[in-house]
Amino acid sequence: MLENYEIRPLTRDEIDTAVAWAAGEGWNPGLQDAGCFAAQDPQGFWGGFLAGEMIACISVVTYGDAFAFLGFYIVAPEYRGQGYGRALWTKALEHAGNRTVGLDGVVDQQENYRRSGFAFAWRNIRFGGVPRGRLKVSDAYTLTWLDTPSAEVTALDARVFPARRPEFWKAWFTTPGHVSIAVHSDGEMQGFGTLRRCRSGAKIGPLVATSRAAALSVLAGLLKDWPEDEEVFLDVPEPNGSAMALARDLGLEPVFETARMYRGKAPEVAQDMIYGVTSFELG
């Protein structure tokens, strides 16, 4: 059967299909994720096809010459366990070349990822629920709207992510339905974040801040006009105890977890500044 199996990069419309599959798996992607993700690496999304029908998908999105991130690894249920996923995995990873590759692995796949050379780095915990009460922007911070990947955003992002990603941020900040803000103190940016509508509720990601107080002020700005009875989700690195406590203080509960894993040298990032991961699909 594999001799009739075609593996190739996805078209823009097929990337939409991959995101719809992710929704079907319960991953709750954002309503506009496909366009933002494709902006970073249009050749980073791959599919496996039988008789012209996509039966498997994966993304291996590159960031510069040294880093890539793997996601969207899905095989249609009726084709699982027959080698189609493995063949797609192997081919798509060639796109990463010699780059370090990261992923956020669901629990039941983590052993498979270890056998493929990925090593555990930390757990990410998805918190979800209806936020408790209204938050207030601290008087110590001024709030500004983000619509461009400024030098300040780039500088903060460089502390929590191992590669520059200006094309991604350009799409992320300007996509309809995304609300992005930053907070400043004494003329310096101390945090930024984005709220985006998802199939269910909204996700807040990224949420990057130099302190809990800055993170709270970013959240206050993002949630200012959010309906009081609707859920939000926040993906938190477990090693950041301050972020874990903040999520719980908001009234959110753990609903899902992944393992951040790397093939190659794990990048050094400031985990204590990551109050919300940008995306389990792109890092």
Protein backbone atom coordinates (compact mmCIF):
# COMPACT_ATOMS: atom_id res chain seq x y z
CA MET A 1 0.00 0.00 0.00
CA LEU A 2 2.81 2.47 0.80
CA GLU A 3 3.95 2.38 -2.84
CA ASN A 4 0.77 4.32 -3.76
CA TYR A 5 1.19 6.73 -0.88
CA GLU A 6 2.00 10.34 -1.85
CA ILE A 7 3.71 12.64 0.65
CA ARG A 8 3.99 16.35 -0.16
CA PRO A 9 3.65 19.86 1.30
CA LEU A 10 0.08 21.00 1.85
CA THR A 11 -1.65 23.76 -0.07
CA ARG A 12 -3.14 26.66 1.86
CA ASP A 13 -6.62 25.10 1.69
CA GLU A 14 -5.22 21.76 2.88
CA ILE A 15 -3.66 23.51 5.89
CA ASP A 16 -7.20 24.59 6.77
CA THR A 17 -8.17 20.92 6.63
CA ALA A 18 -5.32 19.99 9.00
CA VAL A 19 -6.52 22.61 11.49
CA ALA A 20 -10.07 21.24 11.20
CA TRP A 21 -8.71 17.77 11.97
CA ALA A 22 -7.00 19.21 15.06
CA ALA A 23 -10.38 20.57 16.16
CA GLY A 24 -11.84 17.10 15.67
CA GLU A 25 -9.14 15.69 17.96
CA GLY A 26 -10.28 18.08 20.69
CA TRP A 27 -7.24 20.38 20.46
CA ASN A 28 -9.45 23.50 20.17
CA PRO A 29 -7.40 25.52 17.66
CA GLY A 30 -7.97 29.23 17.09
CA LEU A 31 -10.45 30.28 14.44
CA GLN A 32 -7.72 32.00 12.39
CA ASP A 33 -4.76 29.75 13.24
CA ALA A 34 -4.18 28.32 9.77
CA GLY A 35 -3.27 31.61 8.11
CA CYS A 36 -0.98 32.69 10.95
CA PHE A 37 0.79 29.34 11.03
CA ALA A 38 1.28 29.23 7.26
CA ALA A 39 2.80 32.72 7.33
CA GLN A 40 5.82 31.42 9.26
CA ASP A 41 6.70 28.57 6.90
CA PRO A 42 4.38 27.83 3.95
CA GLN A 43 6.38 24.67 3.18
CA GLY A 44 6.23 23.44 6.77
CA PHE A 45 2.90 21.60 6.54
CA TRP A 46 2.86 18.11 5.03
CA GLY A 47 0.26 15.53 4.16
CA GLY A 48 0.01 11.90 3.19
CA PHE A 49 -2.42 11.07 0.37
CA LEU A 50 -4.05 7.95 -1.04
CA ALA A 51 -5.86 8.34 -4.37
CA GLY A 52 -5.75 12.11 -3.88
CA GLU A 53 -7.35 11.98 -0.42
CA MET A 54 -5.42 13.28 2.58
CA ILE A 55 -5.22 10.60 5.26
CA ALA A 56 -2.47 12.06 7.47
CA CYS A 57 -0.91 15.42 8.27
CA ILE A 58 2.00 16.91 10.19
CA SER A 59 3.80 20.23 10.49
CA VAL A 60 7.54 20.80 10.81
CA VAL A 61 7.76 24.58 10.82
CA THR A 62 11.22 26.11 10.55
CA TYR A 63 12.51 29.22 12.31
CA GLY A 64 15.79 30.39 10.82
CA ASP A 65 18.68 27.99 10.42
CA ALA A 66 18.75 26.43 13.88
CA PHE A 67 15.23 25.63 15.12
CA ALA A 68 12.01 23.95 14.02
CA PHE A 69 8.81 22.91 15.74
CA LEU A 70 6.67 19.85 15.05
CA GLY A 71 2.90 19.69 15.42
CA PHE A 72 -0.40 18.64 13.83
CA TYR A 73 0.67 14.98 13.71
CA ILE A 74 -2.64 13.28 12.91
CA VAL A 75 -3.52 10.11 11.00
CA ALA A 76 -7.14 9.40 10.08
CA PRO A 77 -8.36 6.67 12.48
CA GLU A 78 -9.00 4.03 9.82
CA TYR A 79 -5.39 4.30 8.58
CA ARG A 80 -3.57 4.17 11.90
CA GLY A 81 -1.10 1.39 12.65
CA GLN A 82 -0.35 0.73 8.96
CA GLY A 83 2.87 2.70 8.52
CA TYR A 84 1.37 5.79 6.88
CA GLY A 85 2.01 8.07 9.82
CA ARG A 86 5.57 6.87 10.28
CA ALA A 87 6.40 7.41 6.61
CA LEU A 88 4.99 10.94 6.76
CA TRP A 89 6.84 11.67 10.00
CA THR A 90 10.16 10.59 8.50
CA LYS A 91 9.72 12.57 5.29
CA ALA A 92 8.47 15.75 6.96
CA LEU A 93 11.34 15.78 9.47
CA GLU A 94 13.75 16.01 6.54
CA HIS A 95 12.42 19.56 6.15
CA ALA A 96 14.03 20.41 9.51
CA GLY A 97 17.48 19.37 8.32
CA ASN A 98 20.00 19.60 11.17
CA ARG A 99 17.89 22.01 13.23
CA THR A 100 16.91 21.30 16.81
CA VAL A 101 13.25 20.26 16.70
CA GLY A 102 10.76 20.89 19.50
CA LEU A 103 7.27 19.51 20.05
CA ASP A 104 4.53 19.37 22.65
CA GLY A 105 3.60 15.72 22.89
CA VAL A 106 0.31 14.36 24.19
CA VAL A 107 0.64 11.78 26.93
CA ASP A 108 -0.11 8.67 24.86
CA GLN A 109 2.52 9.55 22.22
CA GLN A 110 5.43 10.57 24.42
CA GLU A 111 7.10 7.16 24.44
CA ASN A 112 6.98 7.06 20.64
CA TYR A 113 8.63 10.46 20.52
CA ARG A 114 11.39 9.26 22.85
CA ARG A 115 12.10 6.37 20.49
CA SER A 116 12.44 8.93 17.70
CA GLY A 117 15.17 10.79 19.56
CA PHE A 118 13.14 13.41 21.45
CA ALA A 119 14.04 14.05 25.09
CA PHE A 120 11.70 15.35 27.79
CA ALA A 121 12.28 18.97 28.87
CA TRP A 122 9.20 19.94 30.95
CA ARG A 123 5.43 19.60 31.17
CA ASN A 124 2.99 22.20 29.91
CA ILE A 125 -0.38 22.31 31.65
CA ARG A 126 -3.47 23.68 29.93
CA PHE A 127 -5.70 25.51 32.39
CA GLY A 128 -9.27 26.33 31.45
CA GLY A 129 -12.47 27.73 32.85
CA VAL A 130 -14.39 30.94 33.45
CA PRO A 131 -12.08 33.55 35.02
CA ARG A 132 -12.98 34.53 38.56
CA GLY A 133 -13.90 38.22 38.82
CA ARG A 134 -12.58 41.21 36.91
CA LEU A 135 -8.89 42.06 36.86
CA LYS A 136 -7.42 45.56 37.00
CA VAL A 137 -4.40 46.96 35.21
CA SER A 138 -1.96 48.01 37.90
CA ASP A 139 -1.24 51.74 38.20
CA ALA A 140 2.43 50.80 37.78
CA TYR A 141 1.85 49.93 34.11
CA THR A 142 0.57 51.62 31.00
CA LEU A 143 -1.28 49.52 28.43
CA THR A 144 -0.81 49.76 24.65
CA TRP A 145 -2.33 47.83 21.75
CA LEU A 146 0.00 45.72 19.62
CA ASP A 147 -0.37 45.59 15.86
CA THR A 148 3.22 45.10 14.76
CA PRO A 149 6.27 43.04 15.83
CA SER A 150 8.16 45.95 17.37
CA ALA A 151 11.76 45.85 18.53
CA GLU A 152 10.51 45.58 22.12
CA VAL A 153 8.38 42.52 21.30
CA THR A 154 11.33 40.97 19.49
CA ALA A 155 13.59 41.57 22.49
CA LEU A 156 11.17 39.99 24.98
CA ASP A 157 10.38 37.09 22.65
CA ALA A 158 14.10 36.38 22.25
CA ARG A 159 14.23 35.58 25.96
CA VAL A 160 11.51 32.91 25.76
CA PHE A 161 11.85 31.53 22.21
CA PRO A 162 15.06 30.34 20.51
CA ALA A 163 14.61 32.02 17.11
CA ARG A 164 13.30 35.21 15.53
CA ARG A 165 9.79 34.95 14.06
CA PRO A 166 8.81 38.34 12.59
CA GLU A 167 6.52 36.95 9.87
CA PHE A 168 4.59 34.97 12.43
CA TRP A 169 4.14 37.97 14.72
CA LYS A 170 3.10 40.18 11.82
CA ALA A 171 0.28 37.75 11.03
CA TRP A 172 -0.53 37.07 14.70
CA PHE A 173 -0.95 40.70 15.69
CA THR A 174 -2.96 41.78 12.64
CA THR A 175 -5.36 38.85 12.23
CA PRO A 176 -9.04 39.75 12.79
CA GLY A 177 -10.30 38.38 16.08
CA HIS A 178 -6.89 38.56 17.78
CA VAL A 179 -6.48 41.07 20.60
CA SER A 180 -2.85 41.82 21.51
CA ILE A 181 -1.57 44.22 24.14
CA ALA A 182 1.65 45.17 25.92
CA VAL A 183 2.35 46.77 29.28
CA HIS A 184 5.13 49.24 30.00
CA SER A 185 6.71 50.54 33.19
CA ASP A 186 9.24 53.38 33.29
CA GLY A 187 9.25 53.42 29.51
CA GLU A 188 10.16 49.73 29.08
CA MET A 189 7.95 46.89 27.90
CA GLN A 190 7.39 44.45 30.76
CA GLY A 191 5.00 42.02 29.10
CA PHE A 192 2.75 41.27 26.16
CA GLY A 193 0.06 38.80 25.19
CA THR A 194 -2.68 37.84 22.74
CA LEU A 195 -6.24 36.61 23.22
CA ARG A 196 -7.75 34.75 20.27
CA ARG A 197 -11.13 33.16 19.70
CA CYS A 198 -11.07 29.37 19.44
CA ARG A 199 -13.62 26.69 18.59
CA SER A 200 -14.52 26.85 22.27
CA GLY A 201 -13.86 30.00 24.28
CA ALA A 202 -10.53 31.73 23.77
CA LYS A 203 -6.85 31.02 24.34
CA ILE A 204 -4.42 33.48 25.80
CA GLY A 205 -1.05 32.93 24.19
CA PRO A 206 1.53 34.10 24.30
CA LEU A 207 1.58 35.62 27.76
CA VAL A 208 5.14 36.80 28.34
CA ALA A 209 5.99 38.95 31.36
CA THR A 210 8.91 39.93 33.54
CA SER A 211 6.81 39.47 36.71
CA ARG A 212 3.48 38.20 38.01
CA ALA A 213 2.29 41.80 38.38
CA ALA A 214 3.05 42.51 34.72
CA ALA A 215 1.36 39.26 33.65
CA LEU A 216 -1.75 40.18 35.67
CA SER A 217 -1.92 43.58 34.00
CA VAL A 218 -1.63 42.03 30.53
CA LEU A 219 -4.43 39.62 31.46
CA ALA A 220 -6.56 42.48 32.77
CA GLY A 221 -6.24 44.27 29.45
CA LEU A 222 -6.97 41.18 27.39
CA LEU A 223 -10.02 40.17 29.43
CA LYS A 224 -11.47 43.67 29.84
CA ASP A 225 -14.20 43.11 27.24
CA TRP A 226 -14.36 39.32 27.41
CA PRO A 227 -17.82 37.94 28.32
CA GLU A 228 -17.90 37.09 32.02
CA ASP A 229 -19.47 33.66 31.47
CA GLU A 230 -17.17 32.36 28.70
CA GLU A 231 -14.15 30.10 29.13
CA VAL A 232 -10.53 30.98 28.50
CA PHE A 233 -7.53 28.67 28.28
CA LEU A 234 -3.93 29.27 29.29
CA ASP A 235 -1.04 26.87 28.54
CA VAL A 236 1.47 27.12 31.37
CA PRO A 237 4.98 25.63 31.71
CA GLU A 238 4.92 23.61 34.93
CA PRO A 239 8.39 24.81 36.07
CA ASN A 240 7.06 28.38 36.30
CA GLY A 241 5.47 28.15 39.73
CA SER A 242 4.34 31.78 39.64
CA ALA A 243 2.43 31.17 36.40
CA MET A 244 0.87 27.97 37.72
CA ALA A 245 -0.32 29.79 40.85
CA LEU A 246 -1.65 32.69 38.77
CA ALA A 247 -3.73 30.36 36.59
CA ARG A 248 -5.26 28.78 39.68
CA ASP A 249 -5.85 32.17 41.31
CA LEU A 250 -7.88 33.10 38.22
CA GLY A 251 -10.16 30.15 38.96
CA LEU A 252 -8.86 28.04 36.07
CA GLU A 253 -8.37 24.27 36.40
CA PRO A 254 -5.99 21.83 34.65
CA VAL A 255 -7.74 20.25 31.66
CA PHE A 256 -4.91 18.87 29.50
CA GLU A 257 -1.16 18.39 29.50
CA THR A 258 1.70 17.92 27.08
CA ALA A 259 5.41 17.25 27.35
CA ARG A 260 7.78 19.75 25.79
CA MET A 261 10.40 17.61 24.11
CA TYR A 262 13.41 18.33 21.90
CA ARG A 263 15.45 16.43 19.36
CA GLY A 264 18.90 17.96 19.51
CA LYS A 265 20.26 20.46 22.00
CA ALA A 266 17.44 21.89 24.07
CA PRO A 267 17.38 25.70 23.81
CA GLU A 268 17.83 27.83 26.89
CA VAL A 269 14.75 29.98 27.52
CA ALA A 270 13.56 32.08 30.45
CA GLN A 271 10.80 29.79 31.68
CA ASP A 272 10.01 32.19 34.52
CA MET A 273 8.81 34.72 31.92
CA ILE A 274 6.47 32.30 30.12
CA TYR A 275 3.04 32.72 31.70
CA GLY A 276 1.33 31.31 28.61
CA VAL A 277 2.78 29.32 25.70
CA THR A 278 2.04 30.83 22.28
CA SER A 279 0.84 27.56 20.75
CA PHE A 280 1.24 23.82 21.30
CA GLU A 281 1.41 23.52 17.48
CA LEU A 282 4.17 26.06 16.76
CA GLY A 283 5.89 26.55 20.10
